[in-house]
């Protein structure tokens, strides 16, 4: 039981007990601000919210951090954007690490080769990619997990390349770390609506 308690925490919005990997961790600073601690490195008692844009928005709107801590703490409205930025940055950094470790192939032709050789764990397609390239890959990607989280410009910047549209992450240990970061960002943004503002 003790072991289980170490890996699970309660979401302050829903009351659900979840694995820590499914939750966002926050801590109170000495000046009573609420800050994200998504890499779980800051000291202090953690406060947890399910990994969800909508639930974090609810926690801020209903002053749930203050209620849980029984202190006059402030969760600024820019907390939503801060969390999104950190998750985004972590996911982009994971791509760079995979590239350095030789765990990713870049470009339509190389991705196609890797797919034909059954070397691919999952794909990343630029969110603003055209349809032509995907049609070429379709035969091999029907049941392939494909993320669309970043623009061509963002991928170019992350990889120091030009016109980066298709990436295939190979069946290597490194891919699990990348996928975890992609999933966290993807799940967080899933219930964010277009034009959703605080």
N, C-alpha and C. Protein backbone atom coordinates (compact mmCIF):
# COMPACT_ATOMS: atom_id res chain seq x y z
N UNK A 1 0.84 -1.21 0.00
CA UNK A 1 0.00 0.00 0.00
C UNK A 1 0.86 1.25 0.00
N UNK A 2 1.89 1.20 0.79
CA UNK A 2 2.79 2.35 0.90
C UNK A 2 3.41 2.65 -0.46
N UNK A 3 3.81 1.56 -1.15
CA UNK A 3 4.43 1.72 -2.46
C UNK A 3 3.47 2.40 -3.43
N UNK A 4 2.22 2.00 -3.41
CA UNK A 4 1.21 2.56 -4.29
C UNK A 4 0.98 4.04 -4.00
N UNK A 5 1.00 4.39 -2.73
CA UNK A 5 0.80 5.79 -2.35
C UNK A 5 1.92 6.68 -2.89
N UNK A 6 3.11 6.12 -3.06
CA UNK A 6 4.24 6.88 -3.56
C UNK A 6 4.08 7.26 -5.03
N UNK A 7 3.30 6.49 -5.77
CA UNK A 7 3.19 6.77 -7.21
C UNK A 7 1.83 7.36 -7.60
N UNK A 8 0.92 7.48 -6.64
CA UNK A 8 -0.39 8.05 -6.95
C UNK A 8 -0.65 9.31 -6.11
N UNK A 9 -1.47 10.19 -6.68
CA UNK A 9 -1.88 11.41 -5.98
C UNK A 9 -3.32 11.74 -6.39
N UNK A 10 -3.95 12.61 -5.63
CA UNK A 10 -5.34 12.99 -5.91
C UNK A 10 -5.39 14.30 -6.69
N UNK A 11 -6.22 14.33 -7.72
CA UNK A 11 -6.46 15.56 -8.48
C UNK A 11 -7.36 16.47 -7.65
N UNK A 12 -6.96 17.73 -7.47
CA UNK A 12 -7.74 18.63 -6.62
C UNK A 12 -9.05 19.07 -7.27
N UNK A 13 -9.20 18.80 -8.57
CA UNK A 13 -10.43 19.20 -9.27
C UNK A 13 -11.46 18.07 -9.24
N UNK A 14 -11.04 16.87 -9.66
CA UNK A 14 -11.99 15.76 -9.78
C UNK A 14 -12.04 14.86 -8.55
N UNK A 15 -10.98 14.93 -7.72
CA UNK A 15 -10.90 14.04 -6.56
C UNK A 15 -10.43 12.64 -6.91
N UNK A 16 -10.12 12.41 -8.18
CA UNK A 16 -9.66 11.09 -8.61
C UNK A 16 -8.23 10.83 -8.16
N UNK A 17 -7.97 9.58 -7.78
CA UNK A 17 -6.60 9.16 -7.46
C UNK A 17 -5.99 8.63 -8.75
N UNK A 18 -4.88 9.22 -9.15
CA UNK A 18 -4.25 8.82 -10.41
C UNK A 18 -2.76 8.62 -10.22
N UNK A 19 -2.18 7.90 -11.16
CA UNK A 19 -0.73 7.78 -11.22
C UNK A 19 -0.14 9.17 -11.45
N UNK A 20 0.98 9.45 -10.80
CA UNK A 20 1.59 10.78 -10.92
C UNK A 20 1.90 11.17 -12.36
N UNK A 21 2.14 10.17 -13.21
CA UNK A 21 2.45 10.45 -14.63
C UNK A 21 1.25 11.07 -15.36
N UNK A 22 0.04 10.92 -14.80
CA UNK A 22 -1.16 11.48 -15.43
C UNK A 22 -1.57 12.83 -14.82
N UNK A 23 -0.73 13.32 -13.93
CA UNK A 23 -1.05 14.55 -13.21
C UNK A 23 0.00 15.63 -13.43
N UNK A 24 -0.42 16.86 -13.27
CA UNK A 24 0.49 18.00 -13.30
C UNK A 24 0.78 18.40 -11.86
N UNK A 25 2.04 18.61 -11.53
CA UNK A 25 2.40 18.98 -10.16
C UNK A 25 2.65 20.48 -10.06
N UNK A 26 2.13 21.07 -8.99
CA UNK A 26 2.33 22.49 -8.70
C UNK A 26 2.82 22.64 -7.27
N UNK A 27 3.57 23.71 -7.03
CA UNK A 27 4.00 24.00 -5.66
C UNK A 27 3.77 25.48 -5.36
N UNK A 28 3.73 25.78 -4.07
CA UNK A 28 3.57 27.18 -3.63
C UNK A 28 4.96 27.76 -3.36
N UNK A 29 5.21 28.94 -3.91
CA UNK A 29 6.48 29.62 -3.67
C UNK A 29 6.40 30.37 -2.34
N UNK A 30 7.55 30.81 -1.80
CA UNK A 30 7.53 31.56 -0.53
C UNK A 30 6.67 32.83 -0.58
N UNK A 31 6.50 33.40 -1.79
CA UNK A 31 5.66 34.60 -1.89
C UNK A 31 4.22 34.27 -2.29
N UNK A 32 3.81 33.01 -2.00
CA UNK A 32 2.42 32.56 -2.19
C UNK A 32 1.93 32.57 -3.65
N UNK A 33 2.83 32.29 -4.57
CA UNK A 33 2.43 32.09 -5.96
C UNK A 33 2.37 30.58 -6.23
N UNK A 34 1.50 30.19 -7.13
CA UNK A 34 1.45 28.79 -7.55
C UNK A 34 2.24 28.67 -8.85
N UNK A 35 3.22 27.75 -8.84
CA UNK A 35 4.03 27.56 -10.05
C UNK A 35 4.04 26.08 -10.44
N UNK A 36 4.14 25.81 -11.75
CA UNK A 36 4.19 24.41 -12.18
C UNK A 36 5.54 23.79 -11.85
N UNK A 37 5.51 22.52 -11.51
CA UNK A 37 6.74 21.76 -11.26
C UNK A 37 6.61 20.44 -12.01
N UNK A 38 6.54 20.53 -13.32
CA UNK A 38 6.23 19.36 -14.14
C UNK A 38 7.36 18.35 -14.16
N UNK A 39 8.58 18.80 -13.86
CA UNK A 39 9.71 17.87 -13.81
C UNK A 39 9.97 17.37 -12.39
N UNK A 40 9.09 17.78 -11.48
CA UNK A 40 9.10 17.30 -10.09
C UNK A 40 10.45 17.50 -9.40
N UNK A 41 10.95 18.72 -9.49
CA UNK A 41 12.26 19.01 -8.89
C UNK A 41 12.20 20.08 -7.80
N UNK A 42 11.10 20.82 -7.73
CA UNK A 42 11.03 21.91 -6.75
C UNK A 42 10.65 21.37 -5.37
N UNK A 43 11.19 22.01 -4.31
CA UNK A 43 10.84 21.57 -2.96
C UNK A 43 9.42 22.02 -2.59
N UNK A 44 8.88 21.43 -1.57
CA UNK A 44 7.56 21.82 -1.09
C UNK A 44 6.51 20.76 -1.38
N UNK A 45 5.38 20.92 -0.72
CA UNK A 45 4.26 19.98 -0.89
C UNK A 45 3.65 20.15 -2.27
N UNK A 46 3.53 19.05 -2.98
CA UNK A 46 2.96 19.10 -4.32
C UNK A 46 1.44 19.16 -4.29
N UNK A 47 0.88 19.94 -5.21
CA UNK A 47 -0.57 19.98 -5.41
C UNK A 47 -0.78 19.49 -6.84
N UNK A 48 -1.74 18.58 -7.02
CA UNK A 48 -1.85 17.89 -8.30
C UNK A 48 -3.19 18.17 -9.01
N UNK A 49 -3.07 18.36 -10.32
CA UNK A 49 -4.25 18.53 -11.18
C UNK A 49 -4.08 17.56 -12.35
N UNK A 50 -5.17 16.92 -12.75
CA UNK A 50 -5.09 16.02 -13.90
C UNK A 50 -4.53 16.77 -15.11
N UNK A 51 -3.81 16.05 -15.95
CA UNK A 51 -3.19 16.65 -17.13
C UNK A 51 -4.26 17.04 -18.15
N UNK A 52 -4.85 18.21 -17.95
CA UNK A 52 -5.98 18.66 -18.77
C UNK A 52 -6.06 20.18 -18.73
N UNK A 53 -6.11 20.77 -19.90
CA UNK A 53 -6.24 22.23 -20.00
C UNK A 53 -7.52 22.69 -19.28
N UNK A 54 -8.63 21.98 -19.57
CA UNK A 54 -9.93 22.38 -19.02
C UNK A 54 -9.97 22.26 -17.49
N UNK A 55 -9.36 21.19 -16.95
CA UNK A 55 -9.38 21.01 -15.49
C UNK A 55 -8.45 22.00 -14.79
N UNK A 56 -7.33 22.32 -15.41
CA UNK A 56 -6.45 23.32 -14.82
C UNK A 56 -7.13 24.69 -14.84
N UNK A 57 -7.83 24.97 -15.91
CA UNK A 57 -8.57 26.23 -16.01
C UNK A 57 -9.61 26.32 -14.88
N UNK A 58 -10.27 25.19 -14.63
CA UNK A 58 -11.27 25.12 -13.57
C UNK A 58 -10.63 25.36 -12.19
N UNK A 59 -9.46 24.74 -11.98
CA UNK A 59 -8.76 24.89 -10.70
C UNK A 59 -8.41 26.35 -10.43
N UNK A 60 -8.04 27.07 -11.48
CA UNK A 60 -7.69 28.49 -11.34
C UNK A 60 -8.95 29.33 -11.10
N UNK A 61 -9.96 29.09 -11.91
CA UNK A 61 -11.21 29.88 -11.82
C UNK A 61 -11.89 29.71 -10.47
N UNK A 62 -11.82 28.49 -9.91
CA UNK A 62 -12.52 28.22 -8.64
C UNK A 62 -11.61 28.38 -7.42
N UNK A 63 -10.41 28.92 -7.64
CA UNK A 63 -9.44 29.14 -6.55
C UNK A 63 -9.19 27.88 -5.72
N UNK A 64 -9.10 26.74 -6.41
CA UNK A 64 -8.95 25.47 -5.71
C UNK A 64 -7.59 25.31 -5.04
N UNK A 65 -6.57 25.96 -5.59
CA UNK A 65 -5.25 25.88 -4.95
C UNK A 65 -5.30 26.50 -3.56
N UNK A 66 -5.96 27.65 -3.45
CA UNK A 66 -6.09 28.34 -2.16
C UNK A 66 -6.92 27.49 -1.19
N UNK A 67 -7.99 26.86 -1.70
CA UNK A 67 -8.85 26.05 -0.84
C UNK A 67 -8.12 24.84 -0.29
N UNK A 68 -7.35 24.19 -1.14
CA UNK A 68 -6.62 22.99 -0.73
C UNK A 68 -5.53 23.33 0.28
N UNK A 69 -4.82 24.41 0.01
CA UNK A 69 -3.70 24.80 0.90
C UNK A 69 -4.16 25.58 2.12
N UNK A 70 -5.44 26.02 2.07
CA UNK A 70 -5.99 26.86 3.15
C UNK A 70 -5.09 28.08 3.40
N UNK A 71 -4.62 28.62 2.29
CA UNK A 71 -3.77 29.82 2.34
C UNK A 71 -4.19 30.74 1.21
N UNK A 72 -3.88 32.00 1.36
CA UNK A 72 -4.22 32.98 0.33
C UNK A 72 -3.18 32.97 -0.77
N UNK A 73 -3.18 31.87 -1.54
CA UNK A 73 -2.21 31.75 -2.62
C UNK A 73 -2.84 32.23 -3.93
N UNK A 74 -1.97 32.63 -4.84
CA UNK A 74 -2.45 33.18 -6.11
C UNK A 74 -2.00 32.29 -7.26
N UNK A 75 -2.99 31.79 -8.01
CA UNK A 75 -2.70 31.08 -9.25
C UNK A 75 -3.03 32.03 -10.40
N UNK A 76 -2.01 32.63 -10.98
CA UNK A 76 -2.22 33.61 -12.04
C UNK A 76 -2.86 32.99 -13.27
N UNK A 77 -3.59 33.82 -14.00
CA UNK A 77 -4.28 33.31 -15.19
C UNK A 77 -3.30 32.86 -16.28
N UNK A 78 -2.05 33.35 -16.21
CA UNK A 78 -1.07 32.92 -17.22
C UNK A 78 -0.49 31.53 -16.91
N UNK A 79 -0.97 30.91 -15.81
CA UNK A 79 -0.51 29.58 -15.45
C UNK A 79 -0.83 28.56 -16.55
N UNK A 80 -1.98 28.71 -17.17
CA UNK A 80 -2.37 27.82 -18.28
C UNK A 80 -1.35 27.87 -19.40
N UNK A 81 -0.98 29.08 -19.82
CA UNK A 81 -0.03 29.24 -20.91
C UNK A 81 1.35 28.77 -20.50
N UNK A 82 1.71 29.01 -19.23
CA UNK A 82 3.01 28.57 -18.73
C UNK A 82 3.14 27.05 -18.80
N UNK A 83 2.08 26.37 -18.35
CA UNK A 83 2.09 24.90 -18.39
C UNK A 83 2.18 24.40 -19.82
N UNK A 84 1.39 24.99 -20.70
CA UNK A 84 1.42 24.59 -22.11
C UNK A 84 2.83 24.80 -22.69
N UNK A 85 3.44 25.93 -22.34
CA UNK A 85 4.78 26.23 -22.84
C UNK A 85 5.82 25.22 -22.36
N UNK A 86 5.71 24.83 -21.07
CA UNK A 86 6.67 23.86 -20.52
C UNK A 86 6.50 22.50 -21.19
N UNK A 87 5.25 22.05 -21.35
CA UNK A 87 4.99 20.77 -22.01
C UNK A 87 5.48 20.79 -23.45
N UNK A 88 5.25 21.91 -24.11
CA UNK A 88 5.68 22.10 -25.50
C UNK A 88 7.21 22.05 -25.59
N UNK A 89 7.85 22.77 -24.69
CA UNK A 89 9.33 22.80 -24.67
C UNK A 89 9.91 21.42 -24.41
N UNK A 90 9.32 20.68 -23.45
CA UNK A 90 9.79 19.33 -23.14
C UNK A 90 9.68 18.40 -24.35
N UNK A 91 8.56 18.54 -25.08
CA UNK A 91 8.33 17.69 -26.25
C UNK A 91 9.32 18.02 -27.37
N UNK A 92 9.58 19.31 -27.58
CA UNK A 92 10.53 19.74 -28.62
C UNK A 92 11.94 19.28 -28.24
N UNK A 93 12.30 19.41 -26.96
CA UNK A 93 13.62 18.96 -26.49
C UNK A 93 13.80 17.46 -26.71
N UNK A 94 12.71 16.71 -26.53
CA UNK A 94 12.76 15.26 -26.73
C UNK A 94 13.10 14.92 -28.18
N UNK A 95 12.58 15.72 -29.13
CA UNK A 95 12.88 15.50 -30.55
C UNK A 95 14.38 15.69 -30.78
N UNK A 96 14.92 16.77 -30.24
CA UNK A 96 16.36 17.06 -30.39
C UNK A 96 17.22 15.95 -29.81
N UNK A 97 16.83 15.45 -28.63
CA UNK A 97 17.58 14.37 -27.99
C UNK A 97 17.53 13.09 -28.85
N UNK A 98 16.36 12.81 -29.41
CA UNK A 98 16.22 11.62 -30.27
C UNK A 98 17.10 11.75 -31.51
N UNK A 99 17.17 12.95 -32.04
CA UNK A 99 18.02 13.18 -33.23
C UNK A 99 19.49 12.91 -32.89
N UNK A 100 19.94 13.45 -31.76
CA UNK A 100 21.33 13.27 -31.34
C UNK A 100 21.65 11.80 -31.09
N UNK A 101 20.66 11.06 -30.62
CA UNK A 101 20.87 9.64 -30.30
C UNK A 101 20.64 8.73 -31.50
N UNK A 102 20.33 9.31 -32.66
CA UNK A 102 20.08 8.51 -33.85
C UNK A 102 18.78 7.74 -33.80
N UNK A 103 17.82 8.28 -33.06
CA UNK A 103 16.54 7.58 -32.90
C UNK A 103 15.42 8.08 -33.79
N UNK A 104 15.75 8.96 -34.74
CA UNK A 104 14.71 9.52 -35.61
C UNK A 104 15.24 9.69 -37.03
N UNK A 105 14.37 9.45 -38.00
CA UNK A 105 14.72 9.76 -39.39
C UNK A 105 13.81 10.88 -39.86
N UNK A 106 14.36 11.76 -40.69
CA UNK A 106 13.67 12.98 -41.07
C UNK A 106 13.57 13.07 -42.60
N UNK A 107 12.38 13.45 -43.07
CA UNK A 107 12.17 13.61 -44.51
C UNK A 107 11.33 12.48 -45.07
N UNK A 108 10.49 12.81 -46.03
CA UNK A 108 9.52 11.86 -46.57
C UNK A 108 10.15 10.57 -47.07
N UNK A 109 11.21 10.67 -47.86
CA UNK A 109 11.83 9.47 -48.46
C UNK A 109 12.42 8.56 -47.39
N UNK A 110 13.13 9.16 -46.43
CA UNK A 110 13.75 8.36 -45.36
C UNK A 110 12.69 7.73 -44.46
N UNK A 111 11.62 8.48 -44.20
CA UNK A 111 10.51 7.95 -43.39
C UNK A 111 9.89 6.76 -44.10
N UNK A 112 9.69 6.89 -45.41
CA UNK A 112 9.10 5.81 -46.21
C UNK A 112 9.98 4.56 -46.16
N UNK A 113 11.28 4.75 -46.30
CA UNK A 113 12.23 3.62 -46.21
C UNK A 113 12.13 2.91 -44.86
N UNK A 114 12.11 3.71 -43.79
CA UNK A 114 12.04 3.15 -42.43
C UNK A 114 10.72 2.40 -42.22
N UNK A 115 9.63 2.93 -42.77
CA UNK A 115 8.33 2.26 -42.66
C UNK A 115 8.34 0.93 -43.40
N UNK A 116 8.90 0.92 -44.59
CA UNK A 116 8.98 -0.32 -45.39
C UNK A 116 9.80 -1.38 -44.67
N UNK A 117 10.82 -0.93 -43.93
CA UNK A 117 11.69 -1.86 -43.20
C UNK A 117 11.14 -2.21 -41.82
N UNK A 118 9.94 -1.72 -41.50
CA UNK A 118 9.29 -1.99 -40.21
C UNK A 118 10.16 -1.57 -39.02
N UNK A 119 10.77 -0.38 -39.15
CA UNK A 119 11.65 0.12 -38.09
C UNK A 119 11.00 1.22 -37.24
N UNK A 120 9.74 1.58 -37.58
CA UNK A 120 9.13 2.78 -37.00
C UNK A 120 8.21 2.46 -35.82
N UNK A 121 8.41 3.22 -34.75
CA UNK A 121 7.53 3.10 -33.58
C UNK A 121 6.31 4.01 -33.73
N UNK A 122 6.54 5.27 -34.12
CA UNK A 122 5.45 6.21 -34.36
C UNK A 122 5.96 7.37 -35.22
N UNK A 123 5.04 8.16 -35.73
CA UNK A 123 5.38 9.25 -36.64
C UNK A 123 5.03 10.61 -36.05
N UNK A 124 5.72 11.61 -36.55
CA UNK A 124 5.36 13.00 -36.27
C UNK A 124 5.23 13.71 -37.60
N UNK A 125 4.06 14.30 -37.82
CA UNK A 125 3.81 15.05 -39.05
C UNK A 125 3.54 16.50 -38.66
N UNK A 126 4.15 17.42 -39.37
CA UNK A 126 3.91 18.83 -39.09
C UNK A 126 2.41 19.12 -39.17
N UNK A 127 1.92 19.92 -38.23
CA UNK A 127 0.48 20.21 -38.16
C UNK A 127 -0.01 20.92 -39.41
N UNK A 128 0.88 21.65 -40.08
CA UNK A 128 0.48 22.40 -41.27
C UNK A 128 0.99 21.74 -42.56
N UNK A 129 1.17 20.41 -42.51
CA UNK A 129 1.64 19.67 -43.69
C UNK A 129 0.51 19.56 -44.72
N UNK A 130 0.88 19.47 -45.98
CA UNK A 130 -0.10 19.25 -47.05
C UNK A 130 -0.51 17.78 -47.08
N UNK A 131 -1.47 17.47 -47.93
CA UNK A 131 -1.99 16.10 -48.01
C UNK A 131 -1.14 15.16 -48.87
N UNK A 132 -0.36 15.72 -49.79
CA UNK A 132 0.35 14.89 -50.77
C UNK A 132 1.28 13.86 -50.12
N UNK A 133 2.09 14.32 -49.19
CA UNK A 133 3.05 13.43 -48.55
C UNK A 133 2.39 12.30 -47.80
N UNK A 134 1.32 12.62 -47.08
CA UNK A 134 0.64 11.60 -46.28
C UNK A 134 0.02 10.52 -47.17
N UNK A 135 -0.39 10.90 -48.39
CA UNK A 135 -0.95 9.91 -49.32
C UNK A 135 0.11 8.87 -49.69
N UNK A 136 1.36 9.34 -49.84
CA UNK A 136 2.46 8.42 -50.17
C UNK A 136 2.74 7.45 -49.03
N UNK A 137 2.53 7.93 -47.81
CA UNK A 137 2.81 7.11 -46.63
C UNK A 137 1.63 6.24 -46.20
N UNK A 138 0.45 6.57 -46.71
CA UNK A 138 -0.81 6.00 -46.21
C UNK A 138 -0.83 4.47 -46.15
N UNK A 139 -0.27 3.86 -47.17
CA UNK A 139 -0.24 2.40 -47.25
C UNK A 139 0.42 1.77 -46.02
N UNK A 140 1.39 2.50 -45.44
CA UNK A 140 2.16 1.98 -44.32
C UNK A 140 1.73 2.55 -42.96
N UNK A 141 0.85 3.54 -43.00
CA UNK A 141 0.57 4.26 -41.75
C UNK A 141 -0.86 4.14 -41.24
N UNK A 142 -1.64 3.25 -41.83
CA UNK A 142 -3.05 3.15 -41.43
C UNK A 142 -3.22 2.87 -39.95
N UNK A 143 -2.38 2.01 -39.40
CA UNK A 143 -2.50 1.70 -37.97
C UNK A 143 -1.33 2.31 -37.18
N UNK A 144 -0.62 3.23 -37.80
CA UNK A 144 0.56 3.83 -37.15
C UNK A 144 0.15 5.06 -36.35
N UNK A 145 0.61 5.14 -35.12
CA UNK A 145 0.35 6.30 -34.28
C UNK A 145 1.06 7.51 -34.89
N UNK A 146 0.30 8.57 -35.16
CA UNK A 146 0.88 9.77 -35.78
C UNK A 146 0.48 11.00 -34.99
N UNK A 147 1.48 11.77 -34.57
CA UNK A 147 1.24 13.01 -33.83
C UNK A 147 1.32 14.20 -34.77
N UNK A 148 0.49 15.21 -34.50
CA UNK A 148 0.54 16.48 -35.23
C UNK A 148 0.50 17.60 -34.20
N UNK A 149 1.67 17.92 -33.67
CA UNK A 149 1.74 18.84 -32.53
C UNK A 149 2.48 20.14 -32.83
N UNK A 150 3.27 20.15 -33.90
CA UNK A 150 4.13 21.30 -34.15
C UNK A 150 4.03 21.74 -35.61
N UNK A 151 4.26 23.02 -35.83
CA UNK A 151 4.27 23.54 -37.20
C UNK A 151 5.61 23.22 -37.86
N UNK A 152 5.66 23.37 -39.18
CA UNK A 152 6.91 23.17 -39.92
C UNK A 152 7.99 24.11 -39.36
N UNK A 153 7.59 25.34 -39.10
CA UNK A 153 8.54 26.34 -38.58
C UNK A 153 9.14 25.90 -37.23
N UNK A 154 8.28 25.37 -36.35
CA UNK A 154 8.76 24.91 -35.03
C UNK A 154 9.73 23.74 -35.17
N UNK A 155 9.41 22.82 -36.10
CA UNK A 155 10.28 21.67 -36.31
C UNK A 155 11.60 22.08 -36.93
N UNK A 156 11.54 23.02 -37.87
CA UNK A 156 12.77 23.55 -38.49
C UNK A 156 13.70 24.12 -37.42
N UNK A 157 13.11 24.88 -36.52
CA UNK A 157 13.88 25.53 -35.46
C UNK A 157 14.49 24.50 -34.51
N UNK A 158 13.69 23.51 -34.15
CA UNK A 158 14.15 22.48 -33.20
C UNK A 158 15.28 21.64 -33.77
N UNK A 159 15.23 21.39 -35.08
CA UNK A 159 16.19 20.47 -35.70
C UNK A 159 17.23 21.18 -36.55
N UNK A 160 17.14 22.51 -36.62
CA UNK A 160 18.05 23.30 -37.43
C UNK A 160 18.06 22.82 -38.88
N UNK A 161 16.84 22.66 -39.40
CA UNK A 161 16.67 22.21 -40.78
C UNK A 161 15.68 23.12 -41.49
N UNK A 162 15.44 22.85 -42.75
CA UNK A 162 14.48 23.64 -43.53
C UNK A 162 13.39 22.71 -44.04
N UNK A 163 12.14 23.16 -43.91
CA UNK A 163 10.97 22.43 -44.40
C UNK A 163 10.87 21.01 -43.83
N UNK A 164 10.89 20.94 -42.50
CA UNK A 164 10.77 19.65 -41.80
C UNK A 164 9.29 19.31 -41.63
N UNK A 165 8.87 18.25 -42.31
CA UNK A 165 7.45 17.90 -42.32
C UNK A 165 7.19 16.52 -41.70
N UNK A 166 8.03 15.53 -42.04
CA UNK A 166 7.80 14.16 -41.58
C UNK A 166 8.98 13.63 -40.79
N UNK A 167 8.68 13.06 -39.63
CA UNK A 167 9.70 12.42 -38.81
C UNK A 167 9.19 11.05 -38.38
N UNK A 168 10.07 10.07 -38.43
CA UNK A 168 9.74 8.73 -37.95
C UNK A 168 10.64 8.40 -36.78
N UNK A 169 10.05 8.05 -35.66
CA UNK A 169 10.82 7.67 -34.48
C UNK A 169 10.97 6.15 -34.48
N UNK A 170 12.22 5.73 -34.41
CA UNK A 170 12.54 4.33 -34.60
C UNK A 170 12.26 3.49 -33.36
N UNK A 171 12.18 2.18 -33.57
CA UNK A 171 11.90 1.26 -32.46
C UNK A 171 13.14 1.12 -31.59
N UNK A 172 13.41 2.17 -30.84
CA UNK A 172 14.55 2.19 -29.93
C UNK A 172 14.05 2.66 -28.57
N UNK A 173 14.87 2.43 -27.56
CA UNK A 173 14.50 2.80 -26.19
C UNK A 173 14.18 4.30 -26.08
N UNK A 174 14.92 5.12 -26.80
CA UNK A 174 14.75 6.57 -26.78
C UNK A 174 13.32 7.00 -27.15
N UNK A 175 12.68 6.23 -28.03
CA UNK A 175 11.35 6.60 -28.51
C UNK A 175 10.30 6.65 -27.41
N UNK A 176 10.48 5.82 -26.40
CA UNK A 176 9.52 5.80 -25.27
C UNK A 176 9.50 7.16 -24.57
N UNK A 177 10.67 7.72 -24.34
CA UNK A 177 10.78 9.03 -23.69
C UNK A 177 10.12 10.12 -24.55
N UNK A 178 10.36 10.05 -25.86
CA UNK A 178 9.78 11.04 -26.78
C UNK A 178 8.26 10.91 -26.76
N UNK A 179 7.78 9.67 -26.87
CA UNK A 179 6.33 9.44 -26.89
C UNK A 179 5.66 9.91 -25.61
N UNK A 180 6.32 9.68 -24.47
CA UNK A 180 5.76 10.15 -23.19
C UNK A 180 5.56 11.66 -23.21
N UNK A 181 6.54 12.38 -23.73
CA UNK A 181 6.44 13.84 -23.80
C UNK A 181 5.39 14.30 -24.80
N UNK A 182 5.29 13.60 -25.93
CA UNK A 182 4.26 13.92 -26.92
C UNK A 182 2.86 13.68 -26.33
N UNK A 183 2.73 12.56 -25.61
CA UNK A 183 1.43 12.21 -25.02
C UNK A 183 0.99 13.26 -24.00
N UNK A 184 1.93 13.70 -23.15
CA UNK A 184 1.59 14.69 -22.13
C UNK A 184 1.07 15.97 -22.77
N UNK A 185 1.75 16.43 -23.81
CA UNK A 185 1.32 17.64 -24.51
C UNK A 185 -0.01 17.41 -25.21
N UNK A 186 -0.13 16.28 -25.89
CA UNK A 186 -1.33 15.96 -26.65
C UNK A 186 -2.56 15.85 -25.73
N UNK A 187 -2.41 15.16 -24.61
CA UNK A 187 -3.52 14.99 -23.65
C UNK A 187 -3.91 16.34 -23.04
N UNK A 188 -2.92 17.15 -22.69
CA UNK A 188 -3.21 18.46 -22.10
C UNK A 188 -4.04 19.33 -23.05
N UNK A 189 -3.69 19.29 -24.33
CA UNK A 189 -4.34 20.16 -25.32
C UNK A 189 -5.66 19.61 -25.85
N UNK A 190 -5.94 18.34 -25.54
CA UNK A 190 -7.11 17.66 -26.13
C UNK A 190 -8.41 18.41 -25.87
N UNK A 191 -8.58 18.96 -24.66
CA UNK A 191 -9.84 19.64 -24.35
C UNK A 191 -9.70 21.16 -24.37
N UNK A 192 -8.65 21.65 -25.00
CA UNK A 192 -8.52 23.09 -25.20
C UNK A 192 -9.26 23.44 -26.50
N UNK A 193 -10.20 24.35 -26.38
CA UNK A 193 -11.00 24.71 -27.55
C UNK A 193 -10.36 25.89 -28.27
N UNK A 194 -10.62 25.98 -29.58
CA UNK A 194 -10.11 27.11 -30.36
C UNK A 194 -10.62 28.41 -29.74
N UNK A 195 -9.71 29.33 -29.55
CA UNK A 195 -10.10 30.61 -28.96
C UNK A 195 -10.37 30.54 -27.49
N UNK A 196 -10.03 29.40 -26.87
CA UNK A 196 -10.25 29.22 -25.43
C UNK A 196 -9.30 30.13 -24.66
N UNK A 197 -9.86 31.09 -23.97
CA UNK A 197 -9.04 32.01 -23.21
C UNK A 197 -9.58 32.10 -21.80
N UNK A 198 -8.70 32.52 -20.92
CA UNK A 198 -9.10 32.65 -19.52
C UNK A 198 -10.00 33.84 -19.34
